[in-house]
Amino acid sequence: FTLQLSSELGQVGDTVAVDVTVKGFDEIIGMQFQLTWDSDYLEFINVGEPTLPYMSSSGSFGPNFPALEGRLICFWLEYSLTGVSLPDNERIFTIYFKVNNEGTSSIQFREDMLFPEHQFITTSDDLIQNFHLIGSQVTTQNTPLQFTNGCINVSSCMDAQAVVVSPFILGGVPPY
């Protein structure tokens, strides 16, 4: 199961639309997650075009889950409990931001003291243990490409050591 955010390019003053898409969305009846971003660069405007049954801009993200200081919490439940399945790369909603400053702001899925756990539930009432949450970024033009951090995973593959390096790079103007 994967949730992914689109990366966008904009100018100061622009409104950018960040799509949230899914992969492996099979018989899902509920999910909750939190997104964070740098509010010095991006100003939350609203959530639009939800496509999941029983998901609404005001009910799933609304007054009970405000986007304050770079934080948006999503809670969705498919009330009939029959489950929803979607094709890969299907958009489930769009988040609109106003670009306030030059530079780059990442938009990340985040767990913290306020929101301790992301959860995704299937019709068999199982919590999905393997899921991928892929954040994004909004970049203004003329922002130089920069390496911000990385992750190294060492694993064994057929009795040989394999190392996977995942760099996190921000800025620049596509294509790279």
Protein backbone atom coordinates (compact mmCIF):
# COMPACT_ATOMS: atom_id res chain seq x y z
CA PHE A 1 0.00 0.00 0.00
CA THR A 2 1.38 3.42 -0.96
CA LEU A 3 0.24 7.03 -0.49
CA GLN A 4 2.18 9.51 -2.62
CA LEU A 5 2.16 13.30 -2.94
CA SER A 6 2.95 15.09 -6.20
CA SER A 7 5.86 17.56 -6.29
CA GLU A 8 5.06 20.97 -7.74
CA LEU A 9 6.86 24.04 -9.06
CA GLY A 10 5.52 27.55 -8.47
CA GLN A 11 6.31 31.23 -8.06
CA VAL A 12 5.83 33.36 -4.95
CA GLY A 13 2.14 34.23 -4.83
CA ASP A 14 1.05 31.20 -6.89
CA THR A 15 -1.48 28.63 -5.76
CA VAL A 16 -0.14 25.11 -6.25
CA ALA A 17 -2.16 21.89 -6.22
CA VAL A 18 -0.54 18.83 -4.61
CA ASP A 19 -2.29 15.58 -5.56
CA VAL A 20 -2.47 12.64 -3.16
CA THR A 21 -2.46 9.34 -5.07
CA VAL A 22 -2.56 5.68 -4.04
CA LYS A 23 -1.14 2.31 -5.09
CA GLY A 24 -2.25 -1.08 -3.78
CA PHE A 25 -5.48 0.43 -2.43
CA ASP A 26 -7.40 -2.84 -1.98
CA GLU A 27 -10.45 -3.22 0.25
CA ILE A 28 -9.47 -0.30 2.48
CA ILE A 29 -12.08 0.78 5.04
CA GLY A 30 -10.14 3.41 7.00
CA MET A 31 -7.02 5.47 7.29
CA GLN A 32 -5.53 8.24 9.36
CA PHE A 33 -2.34 10.19 8.74
CA GLN A 34 -0.71 13.55 9.25
CA LEU A 35 1.11 15.79 6.77
CA THR A 36 3.54 18.56 7.73
CA TRP A 37 5.29 21.33 5.80
CA ASP A 38 7.22 24.55 6.42
CA SER A 39 4.56 27.24 6.91
CA ASP A 40 7.13 29.97 6.18
CA TYR A 41 7.09 28.78 2.55
CA LEU A 42 3.61 27.31 2.10
CA GLU A 43 0.24 28.56 3.32
CA PHE A 44 -2.55 25.97 3.45
CA ILE A 45 -5.63 27.05 1.47
CA ASN A 46 -7.89 23.99 1.43
CA VAL A 47 -8.40 20.35 0.51
CA GLY A 48 -10.40 19.76 -2.65
CA GLU A 49 -11.86 17.11 -4.89
CA PRO A 50 -11.99 14.15 -2.49
CA THR A 51 -12.90 11.00 -4.43
CA LEU A 52 -13.32 8.40 -1.66
CA PRO A 53 -16.84 7.58 -0.47
CA TYR A 54 -17.71 9.46 2.73
CA MET A 55 -14.60 11.67 2.42
CA SER A 56 -15.29 15.40 2.47
CA SER A 57 -13.18 18.54 2.63
CA SER A 58 -14.95 19.61 5.82
CA GLY A 59 -15.51 16.25 7.53
CA SER A 60 -12.25 14.41 6.92
CA PHE A 61 -9.96 17.44 7.27
CA GLY A 62 -12.32 20.10 8.59
CA PRO A 63 -12.87 21.96 11.85
CA ASN A 64 -11.91 18.98 14.00
CA PHE A 65 -8.63 18.55 12.09
CA PRO A 66 -7.35 22.06 11.31
CA ALA A 67 -4.26 22.82 9.26
CA LEU A 68 -2.43 24.98 11.78
CA GLU A 69 1.19 26.00 11.41
CA GLY A 70 2.09 23.49 8.74
CA ARG A 71 0.04 20.51 9.86
CA LEU A 72 -2.90 18.66 8.28
CA ILE A 73 -4.53 15.59 9.79
CA CYS A 74 -6.70 13.28 7.71
CA PHE A 75 -9.17 10.77 9.14
CA TRP A 76 -11.34 8.70 6.78
CA LEU A 77 -13.68 5.79 7.39
CA GLU A 78 -15.74 3.97 4.76
CA TYR A 79 -18.91 3.67 6.87
CA SER A 80 -20.50 0.71 5.05
CA LEU A 81 -17.35 -1.28 5.92
CA THR A 82 -17.42 -3.05 2.53
CA GLY A 83 -14.04 -1.63 1.56
CA VAL A 84 -12.85 0.49 -1.32
CA SER A 85 -10.44 -0.64 -4.03
CA LEU A 86 -8.87 1.81 -6.47
CA PRO A 87 -6.55 1.46 -9.46
CA ASP A 88 -2.89 2.37 -8.97
CA ASN A 89 -2.05 6.07 -9.30
CA GLU A 90 -5.65 7.12 -8.57
CA ARG A 91 -5.95 10.60 -7.01
CA ILE A 92 -7.94 10.58 -3.75
CA PHE A 93 -7.78 14.33 -3.03
CA THR A 94 -5.81 17.50 -3.74
CA ILE A 95 -4.25 19.94 -1.26
CA TYR A 96 -4.00 23.60 -2.28
CA PHE A 97 -1.20 25.84 -0.99
CA LYS A 98 -0.16 29.44 -1.59
CA VAL A 99 3.60 29.86 -2.15
CA ASN A 100 4.81 32.59 0.26
CA ASN A 101 8.62 32.62 -0.18
CA GLU A 102 11.41 31.61 -2.56
CA GLY A 103 12.89 28.22 -1.87
CA THR A 104 11.65 24.70 -1.20
CA SER A 105 9.31 23.18 1.36
CA SER A 106 8.99 19.44 1.72
CA ILE A 107 5.56 18.02 2.52
CA GLN A 108 5.98 14.90 4.61
CA PHE A 109 3.96 12.24 6.37
CA ARG A 110 4.90 12.60 10.01
CA GLU A 111 4.24 10.94 13.34
CA ASP A 112 4.87 12.94 16.53
CA MET A 113 3.54 13.48 20.05
CA LEU A 114 0.38 15.18 18.74
CA PHE A 115 -0.25 12.46 16.15
CA PRO A 116 1.51 9.27 17.23
CA GLU A 117 0.55 6.74 14.55
CA HIS A 118 -0.44 6.42 10.89
CA GLN A 119 -3.01 3.66 10.37
CA PHE A 120 -4.54 1.93 7.35
CA ILE A 121 -7.24 -0.74 7.83
CA THR A 122 -8.63 -3.41 5.45
CA THR A 123 -12.03 -5.16 5.35
CA SER A 124 -10.58 -8.11 7.21
CA ASP A 125 -10.08 -5.64 10.09
CA ASP A 126 -6.33 -5.95 9.75
CA LEU A 127 -3.95 -3.06 10.15
CA ILE A 128 -1.72 -2.86 7.10
CA GLN A 129 1.81 -3.39 8.38
CA ASN A 130 3.70 -2.69 5.14
CA PHE A 131 2.97 0.71 3.72
CA HIS A 132 4.93 3.45 1.99
CA LEU A 133 4.30 7.15 2.55
CA ILE A 134 6.03 9.21 -0.12
CA GLY A 135 6.22 12.92 0.58
CA SER A 136 6.85 15.69 -1.90
CA GLN A 137 8.08 19.21 -2.24
CA VAL A 138 7.01 22.55 -3.60
CA THR A 139 9.86 24.50 -5.16
CA THR A 140 10.06 28.00 -6.57
CA GLN A 141 11.95 28.45 -9.81
CA ASN A 142 15.67 29.32 -9.61
CA THR A 143 16.15 27.34 -6.38
CA PRO A 144 19.44 25.41 -6.64
CA LEU A 145 19.39 21.63 -6.37
CA GLN A 146 20.68 20.55 -2.94
CA PHE A 147 21.27 17.28 -1.09
CA THR A 148 19.45 17.49 2.25
CA ASN A 149 19.93 14.05 3.83
CA GLY A 150 19.80 10.34 3.09
CA CYS A 151 19.08 6.89 4.38
CA ILE A 152 21.27 3.79 4.09
CA ASN A 153 19.72 0.34 4.45
CA VAL A 154 21.98 -2.71 4.67
CA SER A 155 20.32 -6.01 3.78
CA SER A 156 21.31 -9.52 2.82
CA CYS A 157 20.55 -10.71 -0.71
CA MET A 158 21.48 -14.31 -1.57
CA ASP A 159 24.28 -14.37 1.04
CA ALA A 160 25.85 -11.18 -0.32
CA GLN A 161 25.61 -7.83 1.40
CA ALA A 162 23.49 -5.30 -0.45
CA VAL A 163 23.33 -1.63 0.42
CA VAL A 164 20.49 0.65 -0.65
CA VAL A 165 21.15 4.39 -0.54
CA SER A 166 18.13 6.71 -0.68
CA PRO A 167 19.14 10.37 -1.10
CA PHE A 168 16.77 13.23 -0.32
CA ILE A 169 17.33 16.09 -2.75
CA LEU A 170 15.43 19.38 -2.83
CA GLY A 171 15.29 22.26 -5.27
CA GLY A 172 16.24 22.52 -8.89
CA VAL A 173 14.00 22.65 -11.91
CA PRO A 174 12.93 19.38 -13.57
CA PRO A 175 14.01 17.59 -15.69
CA TYR A 176 17.19 16.62 -13.83
